[in-house]
Protein backbone atom coordinates (compact mmCIF):
# COMPACT_ATOMS: atom_id res chain seq x y z
CA MET A 1 107.28 102.08 109.57
CA LYS A 2 106.58 99.61 106.72
CA ASN A 3 104.70 96.58 108.70
CA PHE A 4 101.53 97.40 110.17
CA ALA A 5 99.68 93.95 111.01
CA GLY A 6 98.53 93.24 114.10
CA LYS A 7 100.13 96.36 115.87
CA ILE A 8 98.04 99.32 117.72
CA ALA A 9 97.07 102.99 116.51
CA PHE A 10 95.64 105.62 118.47
CA ILE A 11 93.85 107.97 116.20
CA THR A 12 92.44 111.30 117.64
CA GLY A 13 89.24 113.03 116.02
CA GLY A 14 88.80 109.42 115.07
CA ALA A 15 85.32 109.75 114.83
CA SER A 16 85.09 111.48 111.80
CA GLY A 17 86.34 113.13 108.75
CA ALA A 18 90.15 112.61 108.13
CA GLY A 19 90.14 110.32 111.38
CA LEU A 20 87.77 108.33 110.74
CA GLY A 21 89.66 108.08 107.67
CA GLN A 22 92.46 107.28 108.91
CA ALA A 23 91.01 104.42 111.10
CA LYS A 24 89.40 102.87 108.03
CA VAL A 25 92.84 102.46 106.24
CA PHE A 26 94.87 101.34 109.29
CA GLY A 27 92.49 99.14 110.11
CA LYS A 28 92.09 97.50 106.71
CA ALA A 29 96.02 97.27 107.02
CA GLY A 30 95.49 95.18 110.02
CA MET A 31 95.73 97.18 112.73
CA ARG A 32 94.03 97.57 116.06
CA VAL A 33 92.45 101.07 116.36
CA ALA A 34 91.70 103.23 119.30
CA ILE A 35 89.84 106.24 117.97
CA ALA A 36 89.37 109.12 120.53
CA ASP A 37 86.72 112.12 120.07
CA ILE A 38 85.09 114.31 122.39
CA ARG A 39 81.76 112.97 120.82
CA GLN A 40 80.37 109.82 122.25
CA GLU A 41 77.30 110.03 119.80
CA ALA A 42 80.22 110.22 116.99
CA LEU A 43 82.20 107.41 118.74
CA ASP A 44 78.91 105.02 118.55
CA LYS A 45 78.55 105.97 115.02
CA ALA A 46 82.15 105.67 113.82
CA VAL A 47 82.37 102.07 115.38
CA GLU A 48 79.53 100.84 113.45
CA GLU A 49 80.84 102.38 110.01
CA LEU A 50 83.98 100.70 110.78
CA ILE A 51 82.52 97.00 111.28
CA ALA A 52 80.57 97.89 107.67
CA TYR A 53 84.22 98.95 106.58
CA GLY A 54 85.36 95.55 107.34
CA LEU A 55 87.04 95.95 110.53
CA LYS A 56 86.30 93.55 113.44
CA ARG A 57 84.31 94.86 116.70
CA GLU A 58 87.49 93.78 119.44
CA ASP A 59 89.77 95.31 116.88
CA ILE A 60 87.92 98.86 117.71
CA LEU A 61 88.06 100.63 121.26
CA PRO A 62 86.37 104.08 121.07
CA ILE A 63 87.46 106.57 123.85
CA GLN A 64 85.52 109.30 124.55
CA VAL A 65 88.20 112.01 125.99
CA ASP A 66 88.60 115.67 125.85
CA LEU A 67 92.15 116.06 125.16
CA THR A 68 93.22 118.91 126.35
CA ASP A 69 92.48 117.41 129.46
CA ARG A 70 95.97 116.05 130.16
CA LYS A 71 94.84 113.72 133.10
CA ALA A 72 91.99 112.41 131.27
CA TYR A 73 94.06 112.00 128.11
CA ALA A 74 96.76 109.92 129.86
CA ALA A 75 93.50 108.00 131.51
CA ALA A 76 93.07 107.51 127.49
CA ALA A 77 96.28 106.15 127.54
CA ASP A 78 96.56 103.36 130.05
CA LYS A 79 93.21 101.90 128.72
CA VAL A 80 94.93 101.61 125.26
CA GLU A 81 97.41 99.36 126.81
CA GLU A 82 94.62 97.73 129.24
CA VAL A 83 92.65 96.46 126.50
CA PHE A 84 95.12 96.24 123.70
CA GLY A 85 98.33 95.24 125.70
CA GLY A 86 100.77 98.04 125.00
CA PRO A 87 101.03 101.47 123.46
CA PRO A 88 100.24 102.64 120.10
CA HIS A 89 102.53 101.97 117.66
CA LEU A 90 100.94 104.49 115.67
CA LEU A 91 100.10 107.56 116.76
CA ILE A 92 97.77 110.17 114.98
CA GLN A 93 96.59 112.88 115.81
CA THR A 94 94.21 114.64 113.91
CA ALA A 95 91.33 116.26 116.42
CA GLY A 96 91.20 120.06 115.09
CA VAL A 97 88.91 122.97 114.98
CA ASN A 98 89.18 126.21 113.38
CA SER A 99 87.17 129.33 113.16
CA PHE A 100 87.38 132.62 110.62
CA GLY A 101 87.93 136.03 111.14
CA PRO A 102 90.11 139.06 111.21
CA ALA A 103 93.41 138.58 113.15
CA GLU A 104 92.82 141.75 115.08
CA ALA A 105 89.57 140.59 116.46
CA SER A 106 91.14 137.52 118.05
CA THR A 107 90.09 137.10 121.53
CA PHE A 108 92.05 135.10 124.13
CA ASP A 109 89.20 132.62 123.56
CA ASP A 110 89.82 132.29 120.21
CA TYR A 111 93.43 131.45 120.58
CA ASP A 112 92.81 129.43 123.79
CA TRP A 113 89.92 127.12 122.06
CA VAL A 114 92.23 126.95 118.29
CA MET A 115 95.26 126.40 119.60
CA GLY A 116 94.22 124.27 122.68
CA VAL A 117 92.89 121.95 120.61
CA CYS A 118 95.15 121.84 117.73
CA LEU A 119 98.12 122.94 119.13
CA HIS A 120 98.24 121.81 122.98
CA ALA A 121 96.33 119.08 122.55
CA VAL A 122 99.17 117.33 119.98
CA VAL A 123 101.95 118.41 122.69
CA ASN A 124 99.89 116.28 125.38
CA GLY A 125 99.49 113.50 122.97
CA LEU A 126 103.49 113.65 122.23
CA VAL A 127 104.29 113.89 125.99
CA ILE A 128 101.91 111.42 127.08
CA PHE A 129 102.13 108.82 124.85
CA VAL A 130 106.07 108.99 123.27
CA PRO A 131 108.06 107.99 126.39
CA ARG A 132 105.41 104.77 126.48
CA MET A 133 106.27 104.09 123.07
CA VAL A 134 110.15 104.63 123.23
CA LYS A 135 109.97 102.04 126.54
CA ALA A 136 108.13 99.53 124.90
CA TYR A 137 109.20 99.69 121.17
CA GLY A 138 112.51 101.57 120.72
CA HIS A 139 115.25 99.48 119.30
CA LYS A 140 113.12 96.43 118.99
CA GLU A 141 109.93 97.47 116.62
CA GLU A 142 108.95 100.07 113.86
CA PHE A 143 106.82 103.08 115.72
CA HIS A 144 105.66 106.19 114.82
CA VAL A 145 103.79 109.67 115.26
CA ALA A 146 101.97 111.66 112.95
CA ALA A 147 99.73 114.60 113.14
CA THR A 148 97.30 116.08 110.67
CA SER A 149 98.21 119.75 109.71
CA SER A 150 97.54 121.96 106.93
CA MET A 151 99.11 123.99 104.16
CA GLY A 152 97.83 126.50 106.04
CA GLY A 153 100.71 126.41 108.48
CA PHE A 154 103.29 127.75 105.38
CA MET A 155 101.22 130.56 104.75
CA ALA A 156 100.02 133.92 106.37
CA GLY A 157 96.37 133.24 107.76
CA PRO A 158 95.04 136.72 108.32
CA ILE A 159 91.61 135.14 108.96
CA THR A 160 92.99 132.17 110.73
CA ALA A 161 95.80 133.35 112.61
CA PRO A 162 95.03 131.12 115.67
CA TYR A 163 94.78 128.30 113.35
CA SER A 164 97.60 128.88 111.05
CA ALA A 165 100.05 129.43 113.93
CA ALA A 166 99.01 126.22 115.19
CA LYS A 167 99.47 124.41 112.45
CA ALA A 168 103.06 125.98 112.08
CA ALA A 169 103.93 124.86 115.24
CA VAL A 170 102.56 121.25 114.93
CA ASN A 171 105.00 121.18 111.33
CA ILE A 172 107.78 121.99 113.34
CA LEU A 173 107.38 119.34 116.33
CA MET A 174 106.77 116.75 113.61
CA PHE A 175 110.33 117.86 111.67
CA SER A 176 111.79 117.70 115.45
CA TYR A 177 110.81 114.56 117.10
CA ASN A 178 111.32 112.70 113.45
CA GLU A 179 114.84 113.35 113.86
CA ALA A 180 114.46 112.77 117.90
CA LEU A 181 112.99 109.55 117.64
CA ARG A 182 115.47 108.02 114.63
CA PRO A 183 117.67 106.43 116.77
CA TYR A 184 115.12 104.78 118.06
CA GLY A 185 113.60 103.01 115.29
CA GLY A 186 110.58 105.48 115.14
CA GLY A 187 109.99 108.37 112.85
CA ALA A 188 107.54 111.18 112.78
CA THR A 189 105.19 112.58 109.92
CA ALA A 190 103.27 115.89 109.23
CA LEU A 191 99.97 115.64 107.06
CA CYS A 192 99.54 118.88 105.50
CA PRO A 193 96.14 118.99 103.31
CA GLY A 194 94.18 121.90 101.95
CA ASN A 195 90.69 121.27 102.20
CA ILE A 196 89.32 118.07 103.78
CA ARG A 197 85.94 116.75 103.39
CA SER A 198 85.03 116.92 107.35
CA ASN A 199 82.81 118.39 109.83
CA ILE A 200 85.23 120.85 110.83
CA GLY A 201 83.36 123.66 109.88
CA GLU A 202 80.86 122.90 112.58
CA ALA A 203 83.40 123.05 115.05
CA GLU A 204 81.68 126.11 116.95
CA LYS A 205 78.90 123.91 117.90
CA TYR A 206 81.29 122.34 120.07
CA ARG A 207 83.00 124.76 121.30
CA PRO A 208 83.42 125.02 125.39
CA ALA A 209 80.93 127.61 126.78
CA HIS A 210 83.75 129.39 128.99
CA LEU A 211 85.34 129.92 125.51
CA ARG A 212 82.89 131.51 123.62
CA ASN A 213 83.81 135.18 123.99
CA THR A 214 84.87 135.59 120.01
CA GLY A 215 85.76 138.35 118.30
CA TYR A 216 84.47 136.62 115.03
CA ASN A 217 80.93 136.71 113.25
CA VAL A 218 79.70 133.11 113.97
CA THR A 219 76.14 132.48 112.68
CA GLU A 220 74.23 129.44 111.44
CA LYS A 221 74.95 130.76 107.86
CA THR A 222 78.68 131.17 108.23
CA ILE A 223 78.49 127.47 109.57
CA GLY A 224 76.41 126.68 106.95
CA LEU A 225 78.95 128.29 104.41
CA LEU A 226 81.39 126.05 105.51
CA LYS A 227 79.76 122.91 105.45
CA ASN A 228 79.42 123.86 102.07
CA ILE A 229 83.20 124.45 101.41
CA HIS A 230 84.64 121.09 103.16
CA ALA A 231 82.00 119.04 101.05
CA HIS A 232 84.35 119.69 98.21
CA GLY A 233 87.44 118.59 100.12
CA MET A 234 89.35 115.45 99.73
CA ASP A 235 87.97 112.11 100.64
CA PRO A 236 89.05 110.56 103.74
CA VAL A 237 89.86 107.50 102.72
CA GLU A 238 92.22 108.73 100.15
CA LEU A 239 93.59 111.45 102.41
CA ALA A 240 94.62 108.70 104.78
CA GLU A 241 96.21 106.38 101.96
CA HIS A 242 98.52 109.27 101.43
CA LEU A 243 99.64 109.40 105.21
CA LYS A 244 100.15 105.81 105.09
CA ALA A 245 102.67 105.93 101.87
CA GLY A 246 104.13 108.71 103.62
CA ILE A 247 104.82 107.37 106.97
CA GLU A 248 105.92 103.69 104.80
CA ASN A 249 108.30 105.88 103.08
CA ASN A 250 109.62 107.53 106.35
CA GLN A 251 108.40 110.81 105.19
CA PRO A 252 108.42 113.74 107.51
CA LEU A 253 105.93 115.90 105.20
CA VAL A 254 103.42 114.46 103.74
CA ILE A 255 101.29 117.09 101.24
CA PRO A 256 98.38 114.69 99.40
CA TYR A 257 98.85 116.57 96.02
CA PRO A 258 100.88 116.26 92.84
CA ASN A 259 103.93 118.39 92.60
CA PRO A 260 103.85 119.17 96.44
CA ASP A 261 107.45 120.53 96.09
CA LYS A 262 106.46 123.40 93.70
CA MET A 263 103.38 124.17 96.28
CA LEU A 264 105.84 124.79 98.63
CA ARG A 265 107.96 126.41 96.95
CA GLU A 266 105.46 129.26 96.17
CA GLN A 267 104.51 129.58 99.51
CA HIS A 268 108.37 129.78 100.97
CA GLU A 269 108.82 132.38 98.03
CA ILE A 270 106.03 134.77 99.88
CA ILE A 271 108.59 134.29 103.22
CA GLU A 272 111.82 134.98 101.21
CA LEU A 273 110.00 138.42 99.45
CA TYR A 274 109.31 139.17 103.08
CA CYS A 275 113.01 139.46 104.40
CA THR A 276 113.81 142.30 101.88
CA PRO A 277 112.83 145.65 100.49
CA GLU A 278 112.96 145.06 97.04
CA GLY A 279 110.94 141.80 98.19
CA VAL A 280 108.22 143.60 99.82
CA ARG A 281 107.33 145.99 97.02
CA LYS A 282 107.25 143.18 94.55
CA LEU A 283 105.15 141.49 96.99
CA GLU A 284 102.83 144.31 97.16
CA GLU A 285 102.54 144.72 93.49
CA ARG A 286 101.61 140.56 93.63
CA ARG A 287 98.48 141.09 96.19
CA LYS A 288 95.67 141.41 93.31
CA GLU A 289 96.70 138.48 91.96
CA MET A 290 96.94 136.69 95.32
CA GLU A 291 93.57 137.57 95.74
CA GLU A 292 92.00 136.38 92.85
CA LYS A 293 93.77 132.87 93.31
CA ARG A 294 91.89 132.56 96.65
CA LYS A 295 88.47 133.74 95.01
CA GLU A 296 88.86 130.42 92.73
CA VAL A 297 88.20 128.28 96.01
CA ARG A 298 85.36 129.88 96.89
CA TYR A 299 83.56 127.41 94.67
CA GLY A 300 80.52 129.97 93.93
CA LEU A 301 79.88 130.70 97.61
CA ASP A 302 79.20 134.19 98.39
CA TYR A 303 81.20 135.08 101.23
CA ASP A 304 79.70 138.44 101.67
CA GLU A 305 76.21 137.55 101.84
CA ALA A 306 77.01 134.91 104.86
CA GLY A 307 79.34 137.28 106.53
CA PHE A 308 82.02 134.49 106.65
CA ALA A 309 85.05 135.80 108.15
CA LYS A 310 83.70 138.94 109.61
CA ALA A 311 84.06 140.26 112.95
CA ARG A 312 81.80 141.23 115.23
CA PRO A 313 79.97 144.64 114.74
CA ASP A 314 80.84 145.98 118.03
CA LEU A 315 84.75 146.02 117.25
CA ASP A 316 85.44 149.59 116.94
CA TRP A 317 89.16 149.42 115.97
CA VAL A 318 88.33 146.87 112.88
CA ASP A 319 87.63 148.45 109.64
CA PRO A 320 84.29 148.55 108.81
CA SER A 321 85.11 146.07 105.24
CA LYS A 322 86.06 143.86 107.62
CA LYS A 323 82.93 143.44 110.06
CA VAL A 324 79.33 142.68 109.56
CA SER A 325 77.19 145.51 109.68
CA LYS A 326 74.45 146.27 113.27
């Protein structure tokens, strides 16, 4: 997809962070943008920020919606067609949440919340929008679907198991839809950054009440630490420019850093080591080195003092070093 002017974009998580950056970049490219988010106050602020960035008010459609609610999501799709005259040419699914704690401490609520937003909502968007896009634009106009995934989808996530699993699935979904949509003139892209300057660290504040039985230690301290981590992330507009270039080049995968192929080979090498006895032994020897690399991205923050990525103290099966003390 190379031409964006006059076309329609639908962006989830569009009221802040990476989604808002995408609305700015694709709006500047001439698209009419529908931004979906669960937070009405954030949507109101985003509209004003987009106007200040140079978009016309009539080219912005804010939609408050819970993306895990399929009926509400379908109604949002109807609204786009009603206001803009058709389904999106470009669907970007960026809404996401995350929480941190030992995999063995994870509860059903942890999985249902994180995978509900990061994976099931993406599935909802694909099932709701793709048939409409194919009917409207297949064999006639360029169209594209994309999802903001993560480098975490290519590696083990001992403290992000639900999130990493969801992102791995999203990557495969995008690769699969890229192959499926090519005959219609469409394509698909997985955008896989690391750290982004966003509000995802505060996601726990918006966790639904019926999904709050977490096995993780979640406090104002841990939320504050995440806020500091994400303050060092990539600028959302810069990230969106990487996505735009990837879509223009019909790339199924965008890793927005220098030498992305090298980064991916390093992750795949670990998976290769998993599959032989010799590899497992070699990996064991490298674990200390890998832990030191992880420490390099802590930005001088004291994870232990905050109790970050620890389990609740009452989980008696979790190793004491992995949970906060009572």
